[in-house]
Amino acid sequence: MRIVYLTLLLLCMAATFVTAQDKPAYQLFTKEGKSIKYSKMLKELEKADVILFGEQHNDPIAHWLQLEVTKDLHKIHQQKLTVGAEMFETDVQLVLNEYLSGKIAENNFEQESRPWTNYKTDYRPIVRFAREAGIPVVATNVPRRYAAMVATGSLKALESLSPEAKQLIVPLPIVVDMNLPGYKNMMSMFGGSTHGNSKAENIVQAQALKDATMAHVILNQVTAGNKLLHLNGAYHSDNYEGIGWYLKQAQPNLKLATITTVTQEDLEKLSDEHRNKADFILVVSATMTKTY
């Protein structure tokens, strides 16, 4: 009997040791807070016309998972898959196409496409894979100079743009619902509380210009019969607002799936504050190192 007790004690100690050594980096949840395996999530993503993968820009786990999703969706959709990226602005599409088709060298592409400072660590692997696999990559974000115009002069400033410039943004006029919670939160962050020609409202309009332009470029791909995986900051798609809101305004029946990225100390349970932010929530350990 003593041997049995000692055996059980050793087994319990071993189990405790294994648990203590278990250091998961991330966990996936449904919007209701139910844990979900990657393979099951992928089956759901396969059904979507558009997937908005919301990231925290400096999170290495999100960037790694974006690459894995790209690889797996390519196996499923083949030539129909397109990757869209907030990280590239619409006026660099030609340079992007030239690099993807092998016409220009990578260093020329990286010099002339105005990549983000974390491009090499966080986005280059996806772009390189797309190049190797023949996956189109579309630049979806509005050129920052036009967002700056709106931030200082409201959406009215866009009316003075040339016809060539207007080809780089969503068709005017742009409808902005200032009552959307995300935009209202931005208003309060920048000190605005009432509607009018305020600095805070202009900043929100600049955000809406980005959201609407990204949605416009995405829908062009859907119209062409492509399945699109879009990479963007989580704030642009959390709570089914931002890009998703503009997509649904244009095409209510669009098959849209969303992913968001959050951090938590505890990976076992999804915090209530993160529920319903997206169809799938990527929870990353709060102690995960960042790329910048």
C-alpha atoms as a PDB file:
ATOM      1  CA  MET A   1       0.000   0.000   0.000  1.00  0.00           C
ATOM      2  CA  ARG A   2       2.864   2.319   0.858  1.00  0.00           C
ATOM      3  CA  ILE A   3       4.321   1.742  -2.609  1.00  0.00           C
ATOM      4  CA  VAL A   4       0.969   2.705  -4.167  1.00  0.00           C
ATOM      5  CA  TYR A   5       0.863   5.954  -2.168  1.00  0.00           C
ATOM      6  CA  LEU A   6       4.411   6.808  -3.132  1.00  0.00           C
ATOM      7  CA  THR A   7       3.634   6.109  -6.776  1.00  0.00           C
ATOM      8  CA  LEU A   8       0.567   8.370  -6.696  1.00  0.00           C
ATOM      9  CA  LEU A   9       2.566  11.083  -4.955  1.00  0.00           C
ATOM     10  CA  LEU A  10       5.281  10.928  -7.610  1.00  0.00           C
ATOM     11  CA  LEU A  11       2.677  11.071 -10.385  1.00  0.00           C
ATOM     12  CA  CYS A  12       1.066  14.148  -8.818  1.00  0.00           C
ATOM     13  CA  MET A  13       4.443  15.834  -8.458  1.00  0.00           C
ATOM     14  CA  ALA A  14       5.263  15.050 -12.088  1.00  0.00           C
ATOM     15  CA  ALA A  15       1.933  16.447 -13.255  1.00  0.00           C
ATOM     16  CA  THR A  16       2.512  19.608 -11.240  1.00  0.00           C
ATOM     17  CA  PHE A  17       5.992  19.972 -12.718  1.00  0.00           C
ATOM     18  CA  VAL A  18       4.699  19.544 -16.282  1.00  0.00           C
ATOM     19  CA  THR A  19       1.964  22.113 -15.677  1.00  0.00           C
ATOM     20  CA  ALA A  20       4.467  24.566 -14.267  1.00  0.00           C
ATOM     21  CA  GLN A  21       6.611  24.145 -17.379  1.00  0.00           C
ATOM     22  CA  ASP A  22       3.702  24.663 -19.783  1.00  0.00           C
ATOM     23  CA  LYS A  23       4.147  28.132 -21.326  1.00  0.00           C
ATOM     24  CA  PRO A  24       1.586  28.639 -24.098  1.00  0.00           C
ATOM     25  CA  ALA A  25       2.195  31.738 -26.198  1.00  0.00           C
ATOM     26  CA  TYR A  26      -1.367  32.173 -27.442  1.00  0.00           C
ATOM     27  CA  GLN A  27      -4.902  30.819 -27.435  1.00  0.00           C
ATOM     28  CA  LEU A  28      -7.778  31.129 -29.907  1.00  0.00           C
ATOM     29  CA  PHE A  29     -11.354  31.818 -28.875  1.00  0.00           C
ATOM     30  CA  THR A  30     -14.691  32.330 -30.575  1.00  0.00           C
ATOM     31  CA  LYS A  31     -16.483  35.612 -30.014  1.00  0.00           C
ATOM     32  CA  GLU A  32     -18.539  33.928 -27.280  1.00  0.00           C
ATOM     33  CA  GLY A  33     -15.357  33.015 -25.406  1.00  0.00           C
ATOM     34  CA  LYS A  34     -15.172  29.331 -26.311  1.00  0.00           C
ATOM     35  CA  SER A  35     -11.708  27.916 -26.971  1.00  0.00           C
ATOM     36  CA  ILE A  36     -11.266  26.840 -30.608  1.00  0.00           C
ATOM     37  CA  LYS A  37      -8.548  24.953 -32.435  1.00  0.00           C
ATOM     38  CA  TYR A  38      -6.748  26.535 -35.358  1.00  0.00           C
ATOM     39  CA  SER A  39      -7.969  23.829 -37.754  1.00  0.00           C
ATOM     40  CA  LYS A  40     -11.596  24.514 -36.895  1.00  0.00           C
ATOM     41  CA  MET A  41     -11.111  28.255 -37.253  1.00  0.00           C
ATOM     42  CA  LEU A  42      -9.537  27.683 -40.662  1.00  0.00           C
ATOM     43  CA  LYS A  43     -12.598  25.739 -41.829  1.00  0.00           C
ATOM     44  CA  GLU A  44     -14.740  28.754 -40.953  1.00  0.00           C
ATOM     45  CA  LEU A  45     -12.351  31.196 -42.606  1.00  0.00           C
ATOM     46  CA  GLU A  46     -12.465  29.082 -45.761  1.00  0.00           C
ATOM     47  CA  LYS A  47     -16.137  30.025 -46.223  1.00  0.00           C
ATOM     48  CA  ALA A  48     -15.535  33.787 -46.144  1.00  0.00           C
ATOM     49  CA  ASP A  49     -15.184  36.121 -49.106  1.00  0.00           C
ATOM     50  CA  VAL A  50     -13.231  38.568 -46.959  1.00  0.00           C
ATOM     51  CA  ILE A  51     -11.234  38.024 -43.775  1.00  0.00           C
ATOM     52  CA  LEU A  52     -10.155  41.035 -41.745  1.00  0.00           C
ATOM     53  CA  PHE A  53      -7.211  39.993 -39.585  1.00  0.00           C
ATOM     54  CA  GLY A  54      -6.846  42.700 -36.952  1.00  0.00           C
ATOM     55  CA  GLU A  55      -3.386  42.876 -35.417  1.00  0.00           C
ATOM     56  CA  GLN A  56      -1.447  44.741 -32.819  1.00  0.00           C
ATOM     57  CA  HIS A  57       1.295  46.092 -35.065  1.00  0.00           C
ATOM     58  CA  ASN A  58       4.180  45.015 -32.822  1.00  0.00           C
ATOM     59  CA  ASP A  59       2.886  41.554 -31.934  1.00  0.00           C
ATOM     60  CA  PRO A  60       5.062  38.753 -33.389  1.00  0.00           C
ATOM     61  CA  ILE A  61       2.484  36.027 -32.754  1.00  0.00           C
ATOM     62  CA  ALA A  62      -0.143  37.856 -34.814  1.00  0.00           C
ATOM     63  CA  HIS A  63       2.295  38.288 -37.707  1.00  0.00           C
ATOM     64  CA  TRP A  64       3.308  34.645 -37.559  1.00  0.00           C
ATOM     65  CA  LEU A  65      -0.323  33.517 -37.550  1.00  0.00           C
ATOM     66  CA  GLN A  66      -1.101  35.842 -40.465  1.00  0.00           C
ATOM     67  CA  LEU A  67       1.606  34.067 -42.441  1.00  0.00           C
ATOM     68  CA  GLU A  68       0.259  30.642 -41.498  1.00  0.00           C
ATOM     69  CA  VAL A  69      -3.293  31.625 -42.447  1.00  0.00           C
ATOM     70  CA  THR A  70      -1.997  32.947 -45.772  1.00  0.00           C
ATOM     71  CA  LYS A  71      -0.222  29.666 -46.503  1.00  0.00           C
ATOM     72  CA  ASP A  72      -3.231  27.536 -45.589  1.00  0.00           C
ATOM     73  CA  LEU A  73      -5.776  29.658 -47.461  1.00  0.00           C
ATOM     74  CA  HIS A  74      -3.526  29.513 -50.510  1.00  0.00           C
ATOM     75  CA  LYS A  75      -3.687  25.711 -50.386  1.00  0.00           C
ATOM     76  CA  ILE A  76      -7.480  25.989 -50.342  1.00  0.00           C
ATOM     77  CA  HIS A  77      -8.221  28.839 -52.758  1.00  0.00           C
ATOM     78  CA  GLN A  78      -5.121  28.705 -54.980  1.00  0.00           C
ATOM     79  CA  GLN A  79      -5.281  31.457 -57.644  1.00  0.00           C
ATOM     80  CA  LYS A  80      -8.402  33.018 -56.105  1.00  0.00           C
ATOM     81  CA  LEU A  81      -6.603  34.204 -52.975  1.00  0.00           C
ATOM     82  CA  THR A  82      -5.454  37.802 -52.682  1.00  0.00           C
ATOM     83  CA  VAL A  83      -3.752  39.444 -49.697  1.00  0.00           C
ATOM     84  CA  GLY A  84      -4.655  43.038 -48.878  1.00  0.00           C
ATOM     85  CA  ALA A  85      -2.547  45.181 -46.565  1.00  0.00           C
ATOM     86  CA  GLU A  86      -3.122  48.394 -44.673  1.00  0.00           C
ATOM     87  CA  MET A  87       0.661  48.686 -44.536  1.00  0.00           C
ATOM     88  CA  PHE A  88       0.840  49.730 -48.197  1.00  0.00           C
ATOM     89  CA  GLU A  89      -0.860  52.814 -49.616  1.00  0.00           C
ATOM     90  CA  THR A  90      -2.753  52.742 -52.892  1.00  0.00           C
ATOM     91  CA  ASP A  91      -0.239  54.936 -54.729  1.00  0.00           C
ATOM     92  CA  VAL A  92       2.507  52.292 -54.409  1.00  0.00           C
ATOM     93  CA  GLN A  93       0.543  49.511 -56.090  1.00  0.00           C
ATOM     94  CA  LEU A  94       2.650  49.725 -59.235  1.00  0.00           C
ATOM     95  CA  VAL A  95       5.890  49.273 -57.281  1.00  0.00           C
ATOM     96  CA  LEU A  96       4.334  46.400 -55.361  1.00  0.00           C
ATOM     97  CA  ASN A  97       3.222  44.702 -58.577  1.00  0.00           C
ATOM     98  CA  GLU A  98       6.660  45.150 -60.131  1.00  0.00           C
ATOM     99  CA  TYR A  99       8.333  43.479 -57.163  1.00  0.00           C
ATOM    100  CA  LEU A 100       5.830  40.601 -56.985  1.00  0.00           C
ATOM    101  CA  SER A 101       6.270  39.890 -60.694  1.00  0.00           C
ATOM    102  CA  GLY A 102      10.071  39.889 -60.387  1.00  0.00           C
ATOM    103  CA  LYS A 103      10.624  43.012 -62.473  1.00  0.00           C
ATOM    104  CA  ILE A 104      12.457  44.968 -59.787  1.00  0.00           C
ATOM    105  CA  ALA A 105      14.851  44.027 -56.996  1.00  0.00           C
ATOM    106  CA  GLU A 106      13.741  43.761 -53.389  1.00  0.00           C
ATOM    107  CA  ASN A 107      15.925  46.654 -52.239  1.00  0.00           C
ATOM    108  CA  ASN A 108      14.345  48.975 -54.844  1.00  0.00           C
ATOM    109  CA  PHE A 109      10.896  47.856 -53.761  1.00  0.00           C
ATOM    110  CA  GLU A 110      11.656  48.499 -50.111  1.00  0.00           C
ATOM    111  CA  GLN A 111      13.082  51.931 -50.879  1.00  0.00           C
ATOM    112  CA  GLU A 112      10.187  53.109 -53.015  1.00  0.00           C
ATOM    113  CA  SER A 113       7.121  51.515 -51.409  1.00  0.00           C
ATOM    114  CA  ARG A 114       7.415  53.524 -48.168  1.00  0.00           C
ATOM    115  CA  PRO A 115       7.252  50.420 -45.948  1.00  0.00           C
ATOM    116  CA  TRP A 116       6.576  50.708 -42.245  1.00  0.00           C
ATOM    117  CA  THR A 117       9.631  50.672 -39.972  1.00  0.00           C
ATOM    118  CA  ASN A 118       8.783  47.118 -38.825  1.00  0.00           C
ATOM    119  CA  TYR A 119       8.304  45.834 -42.368  1.00  0.00           C
ATOM    120  CA  LYS A 120      11.377  43.599 -42.408  1.00  0.00           C
ATOM    121  CA  THR A 121      10.517  41.757 -39.200  1.00  0.00           C
ATOM    122  CA  ASP A 122       6.726  41.669 -39.456  1.00  0.00           C
ATOM    123  CA  TYR A 123       5.511  41.905 -43.057  1.00  0.00           C
ATOM    124  CA  ARG A 124       8.393  40.923 -45.328  1.00  0.00           C
ATOM    125  CA  PRO A 125       7.845  37.166 -44.696  1.00  0.00           C
ATOM    126  CA  ILE A 126       4.251  37.435 -45.948  1.00  0.00           C
ATOM    127  CA  VAL A 127       5.170  39.517 -48.990  1.00  0.00           C
ATOM    128  CA  ARG A 128       8.021  37.147 -49.845  1.00  0.00           C
ATOM    129  CA  PHE A 129       5.722  34.140 -49.568  1.00  0.00           C
ATOM    130  CA  ALA A 130       3.146  35.869 -51.754  1.00  0.00           C
ATOM    131  CA  ARG A 131       5.841  36.552 -54.341  1.00  0.00           C
ATOM    132  CA  GLU A 132       7.001  32.932 -54.335  1.00  0.00           C
ATOM    133  CA  ALA A 133       3.463  31.539 -54.469  1.00  0.00           C
ATOM    134  CA  GLY A 134       2.165  33.999 -57.054  1.00  0.00           C
ATOM    135  CA  ILE A 135      -0.392  35.529 -54.683  1.00  0.00           C
ATOM    136  CA  PRO A 136      -1.451  39.090 -55.574  1.00  0.00           C
ATOM    137  CA  VAL A 137      -0.966  41.672 -52.827  1.00  0.00           C
ATOM    138  CA  VAL A 138      -3.071  44.813 -52.951  1.00  0.00           C
ATOM    139  CA  ALA A 139      -2.206  48.094 -51.265  1.00  0.00           C
ATOM    140  CA  THR A 140      -5.419  49.208 -49.580  1.00  0.00           C
ATOM    141  CA  ASN A 141      -4.617  52.186 -47.377  1.00  0.00           C
ATOM    142  CA  VAL A 142      -5.216  55.791 -48.370  1.00  0.00           C
ATOM    143  CA  PRO A 143      -2.031  57.774 -49.138  1.00  0.00           C
ATOM    144  CA  ARG A 144      -1.118  59.429 -45.871  1.00  0.00           C
ATOM    145  CA  ARG A 145      -0.938  62.884 -47.442  1.00  0.00           C
ATOM    146  CA  TYR A 146      -4.691  62.760 -48.078  1.00  0.00           C
ATOM    147  CA  ALA A 147      -5.433  61.545 -44.559  1.00  0.00           C
ATOM    148  CA  ALA A 148      -3.345  64.489 -43.308  1.00  0.00           C
ATOM    149  CA  MET A 149      -5.416  66.867 -45.463  1.00  0.00           C
ATOM    150  CA  VAL A 150      -8.602  65.609 -43.825  1.00  0.00           C
ATOM    151  CA  ALA A 151      -7.105  65.707 -40.329  1.00  0.00           C
ATOM    152  CA  THR A 152      -6.496  69.432 -40.740  1.00  0.00           C
ATOM    153  CA  GLY A 153      -9.255  70.469 -43.129  1.00  0.00           C
ATOM    154  CA  SER A 154     -12.051  67.856 -42.864  1.00  0.00           C
ATOM    155  CA  LEU A 155     -13.366  65.708 -45.699  1.00  0.00           C
ATOM    156  CA  LYS A 156     -14.159  68.854 -47.670  1.00  0.00           C
ATOM    157  CA  ALA A 157     -10.440  69.194 -48.398  1.00  0.00           C
ATOM    158  CA  LEU A 158     -10.651  66.163 -50.686  1.00  0.00           C
ATOM    159  CA  GLU A 159     -12.939  67.965 -53.100  1.00  0.00           C
ATOM    160  CA  SER A 160      -9.992  69.957 -54.446  1.00  0.00           C
ATOM    161  CA  LEU A 161      -8.044  66.844 -55.456  1.00  0.00           C
ATOM    162  CA  SER A 162      -7.340  66.170 -59.114  1.00  0.00           C
ATOM    163  CA  PRO A 163      -9.191  63.363 -60.929  1.00  0.00           C
ATOM    164  CA  GLU A 164      -5.961  61.318 -60.853  1.00  0.00           C
ATOM    165  CA  ALA A 165      -5.660  61.741 -57.091  1.00  0.00           C
ATOM    166  CA  LYS A 166      -9.288  60.777 -56.527  1.00  0.00           C
ATOM    167  CA  GLN A 167      -8.572  57.429 -58.181  1.00  0.00           C
ATOM    168  CA  LEU A 168      -6.448  56.607 -55.129  1.00  0.00           C
ATOM    169  CA  ILE A 169      -9.250  56.993 -52.594  1.00  0.00           C
ATOM    170  CA  VAL A 170     -12.813  55.808 -52.107  1.00  0.00           C
ATOM    171  CA  PRO A 171     -15.278  57.646 -54.388  1.00  0.00           C
ATOM    172  CA  LEU A 172     -16.632  60.842 -52.862  1.00  0.00           C
ATOM    173  CA  PRO A 173     -18.722  61.754 -50.945  1.00  0.00           C
ATOM    174  CA  ILE A 174     -17.824  59.665 -47.923  1.00  0.00           C
ATOM    175  CA  VAL A 175     -20.511  58.950 -45.350  1.00  0.00           C
ATOM    176  CA  VAL A 176     -19.221  58.954 -41.772  1.00  0.00           C
ATOM    177  CA  ASP A 177     -21.426  57.677 -38.955  1.00  0.00           C
ATOM    178  CA  MET A 178     -20.091  59.600 -35.988  1.00  0.00           C
ATOM    179  CA  ASN A 179     -22.330  57.586 -33.675  1.00  0.00           C
ATOM    180  CA  LEU A 180     -20.380  54.374 -34.194  1.00  0.00           C
ATOM    181  CA  PRO A 181     -18.828  53.507 -30.802  1.00  0.00           C
ATOM    182  CA  GLY A 182     -15.309  53.315 -32.208  1.00  0.00           C
ATOM    183  CA  TYR A 183     -15.506  56.777 -33.740  1.00  0.00           C
ATOM    184  CA  LYS A 184     -17.195  58.199 -30.645  1.00  0.00           C
ATOM    185  CA  ASN A 185     -14.354  56.791 -28.560  1.00  0.00           C
ATOM    186  CA  MET A 186     -11.825  58.474 -30.850  1.00  0.00           C
ATOM    187  CA  MET A 187     -13.704  61.749 -30.492  1.00  0.00           C
ATOM    188  CA  SER A 188     -13.444  61.592 -26.719  1.00  0.00           C
ATOM    189  CA  MET A 189      -9.764  60.578 -26.893  1.00  0.00           C
ATOM    190  CA  PHE A 190      -8.969  63.740 -28.824  1.00  0.00           C
ATOM    191  CA  GLY A 191     -11.088  65.995 -26.651  1.00  0.00           C
ATOM    192  CA  GLY A 192     -14.161  66.285 -28.859  1.00  0.00           C
ATOM    193  CA  SER A 193     -17.674  65.898 -27.488  1.00  0.00           C
ATOM    194  CA  THR A 194     -19.996  67.608 -29.954  1.00  0.00           C
ATOM    195  CA  HIS A 195     -20.356  67.578 -33.701  1.00  0.00           C
ATOM    196  CA  GLY A 196     -18.962  70.477 -35.674  1.00  0.00           C
ATOM    197  CA  ASN A 197     -15.787  71.594 -37.363  1.00  0.00           C
ATOM    198  CA  SER A 198     -13.542  70.479 -34.523  1.00  0.00           C
ATOM    199  CA  LYS A 199     -10.027  69.091 -34.633  1.00  0.00           C
ATOM    200  CA  ALA A 200     -11.256  65.867 -33.009  1.00  0.00           C
ATOM    201  CA  GLU A 201     -13.941  65.382 -35.635  1.00  0.00           C
ATOM    202  CA  ASN A 202     -11.434  65.949 -38.424  1.00  0.00           C
ATOM    203  CA  ILE A 203      -9.201  63.221 -36.970  1.00  0.00           C
ATOM    204  CA  VAL A 204     -12.147  60.834 -36.886  1.00  0.00           C
ATOM    205  CA  GLN A 205     -12.955  61.726 -40.487  1.00  0.00           C
ATOM    206  CA  ALA A 206      -9.369  60.914 -41.444  1.00  0.00           C
ATOM    207  CA  GLN A 207      -9.785  57.520 -39.770  1.00  0.00           C
ATOM    208  CA  ALA A 208     -13.039  57.003 -41.670  1.00  0.00           C
ATOM    209  CA  LEU A 209     -11.287  57.905 -44.928  1.00  0.00           C
ATOM    210  CA  LYS A 210      -8.800  55.098 -44.278  1.00  0.00           C
ATOM    211  CA  ASP A 211     -11.555  52.631 -43.366  1.00  0.00           C
ATOM    212  CA  ALA A 212     -13.688  53.527 -46.376  1.00  0.00           C
ATOM    213  CA  THR A 213     -10.764  53.425 -48.814  1.00  0.00           C
ATOM    214  CA  MET A 214      -9.616  50.032 -47.554  1.00  0.00           C
ATOM    215  CA  ALA A 215     -13.169  48.704 -47.872  1.00  0.00           C
ATOM    216  CA  HIS A 216     -13.427  50.118 -51.409  1.00  0.00           C
ATOM    217  CA  VAL A 217     -10.223  48.399 -52.552  1.00  0.00           C
ATOM    218  CA  ILE A 218     -11.290  45.155 -50.893  1.00  0.00           C
ATOM    219  CA  LEU A 219     -14.670  45.186 -52.636  1.00  0.00           C
ATOM    220  CA  ASN A 220     -12.978  45.667 -55.992  1.00  0.00           C
ATOM    221  CA  GLN A 221     -11.207  42.363 -55.375  1.00  0.00           C
ATOM    222  CA  VAL A 222     -14.424  40.632 -54.334  1.00  0.00           C
ATOM    223  CA  THR A 223     -16.120  41.901 -57.489  1.00  0.00           C
ATOM    224  CA  ALA A 224     -13.286  40.361 -59.494  1.00  0.00           C
ATOM    225  CA  GLY A 225     -14.081  36.992 -57.902  1.00  0.00           C
ATOM    226  CA  ASN A 226     -11.190  36.842 -55.453  1.00  0.00           C
ATOM    227  CA  LYS A 227     -11.067  35.715 -51.833  1.00  0.00           C
ATOM    228  CA  LEU A 228      -9.267  38.317 -49.769  1.00  0.00           C
ATOM    229  CA  LEU A 229      -7.263  38.091 -46.565  1.00  0.00           C
ATOM    230  CA  HIS A 230      -6.758  41.619 -45.257  1.00  0.00           C
ATOM    231  CA  LEU A 231      -4.112  42.633 -42.714  1.00  0.00           C
ATOM    232  CA  ASN A 232      -4.919  45.695 -40.646  1.00  0.00           C
ATOM    233  CA  GLY A 233      -4.653  47.220 -37.219  1.00  0.00           C
ATOM    234  CA  ALA A 234      -7.312  45.767 -34.945  1.00  0.00           C
ATOM    235  CA  TYR A 235      -8.932  49.164 -34.377  1.00  0.00           C
ATOM    236  CA  HIS A 236      -9.884  49.253 -38.048  1.00  0.00           C
ATOM    237  CA  SER A 237     -12.092  46.172 -37.689  1.00  0.00           C
ATOM    238  CA  ASP A 238     -12.837  45.522 -34.012  1.00  0.00           C
ATOM    239  CA  ASN A 239     -16.493  45.236 -33.015  1.00  0.00           C
ATOM    240  CA  TYR A 240     -17.446  44.867 -36.698  1.00  0.00           C
ATOM    241  CA  GLU A 241     -16.912  48.576 -37.226  1.00  0.00           C
ATOM    242  CA  GLY A 242     -14.398  50.478 -39.365  1.00  0.00           C
ATOM    243  CA  ILE A 243     -13.613  48.554 -42.553  1.00  0.00           C
ATOM    244  CA  GLY A 244     -16.280  45.953 -41.799  1.00  0.00           C
ATOM    245  CA  TRP A 245     -18.980  48.602 -41.422  1.00  0.00           C
ATOM    246  CA  TYR A 246     -18.181  50.084 -44.833  1.00  0.00           C
ATOM    247  CA  LEU A 247     -18.056  46.626 -46.416  1.00  0.00           C
ATOM    248  CA  LYS A 248     -21.493  45.756 -45.071  1.00  0.00           C
ATOM    249  CA  GLN A 249     -22.954  49.114 -46.095  1.00  0.00           C
ATOM    250  CA  ALA A 250     -21.948  48.362 -49.677  1.00  0.00           C
ATOM    251  CA  GLN A 251     -22.668  44.620 -49.677  1.00  0.00           C
ATOM    252  CA  PRO A 252     -24.909  43.506 -46.792  1.00  0.00           C
ATOM    253  CA  ASN A 253     -24.722  39.838 -47.839  1.00  0.00           C
ATOM    254  CA  LEU A 254     -20.933  39.733 -48.003  1.00  0.00           C
ATOM    255  CA  LYS A 255     -19.450  36.674 -46.283  1.00  0.00           C
ATOM    256  CA  LEU A 256     -17.158  38.437 -43.838  1.00  0.00           C
ATOM    257  CA  ALA A 257     -15.005  36.917 -41.093  1.00  0.00           C
ATOM    258  CA  THR A 258     -12.982  38.882 -38.569  1.00  0.00           C
ATOM    259  CA  ILE A 259     -10.057  38.124 -36.284  1.00  0.00           C
ATOM    260  CA  THR A 260      -8.677  40.397 -33.605  1.00  0.00           C
ATOM    261  CA  THR A 261      -5.563  40.270 -31.446  1.00  0.00           C
ATOM    262  CA  VAL A 262      -5.542  41.007 -27.715  1.00  0.00           C
ATOM    263  CA  THR A 263      -3.179  40.383 -24.808  1.00  0.00           C
ATOM    264  CA  GLN A 264      -4.009  38.828 -21.444  1.00  0.00           C
ATOM    265  CA  GLU A 265      -2.152  37.543 -18.409  1.00  0.00           C
ATOM    266  CA  ASP A 266      -4.401  34.474 -18.322  1.00  0.00           C
ATOM    267  CA  LEU A 267      -4.787  32.478 -21.535  1.00  0.00           C
ATOM    268  CA  GLU A 268      -7.252  29.977 -20.118  1.00  0.00           C
ATOM    269  CA  LYS A 269     -10.320  32.196 -20.298  1.00  0.00           C
ATOM    270  CA  LEU A 270     -11.298  35.078 -22.550  1.00  0.00           C
ATOM    271  CA  SER A 271     -11.872  38.274 -20.595  1.00  0.00           C
ATOM    272  CA  ASP A 272     -15.372  39.694 -20.861  1.00  0.00           C
ATOM    273  CA  GLU A 273     -14.008  42.947 -22.300  1.00  0.00           C
ATOM    274  CA  HIS A 274     -12.740  41.060 -25.359  1.00  0.00           C
ATOM    275  CA  ARG A 275     -15.877  39.076 -26.104  1.00  0.00           C
ATOM    276  CA  ASN A 276     -17.669  39.883 -29.366  1.00  0.00           C
ATOM    277  CA  LYS A 277     -14.800  42.026 -30.668  1.00  0.00           C
ATOM    278  CA  ALA A 278     -14.489  39.696 -33.645  1.00  0.00           C
ATOM    279  CA  ASP A 279     -15.537  36.256 -34.850  1.00  0.00           C
ATOM    280  CA  PHE A 280     -12.230  34.885 -33.575  1.00  0.00           C
ATOM    281  CA  ILE A 281     -10.010  36.329 -30.874  1.00  0.00           C
ATOM    282  CA  LEU A 282      -6.279  35.641 -30.843  1.00  0.00           C
ATOM    283  CA  VAL A 283      -5.178  36.014 -27.229  1.00  0.00           C
ATOM    284  CA  VAL A 284      -1.427  36.478 -26.806  1.00  0.00           C
ATOM    285  CA  SER A 285       0.432  36.229 -23.535  1.00  0.00           C
ATOM    286  CA  ALA A 286       0.925  39.647 -21.977  1.00  0.00           C
ATOM    287  CA  THR A 287       4.604  38.779 -21.450  1.00  0.00           C
ATOM    288  CA  MET A 288       5.240  38.105 -25.138  1.00  0.00           C
ATOM    289  CA  THR A 289       8.145  40.115 -26.500  1.00  0.00           C
ATOM    290  CA  LYS A 290       7.344  42.807 -29.071  1.00  0.00           C
ATOM    291  CA  THR A 291       9.008  43.573 -32.380  1.00  0.00           C
ATOM    292  CA  TYR A 292       9.369  47.251 -31.463  1.00  0.00           C
END
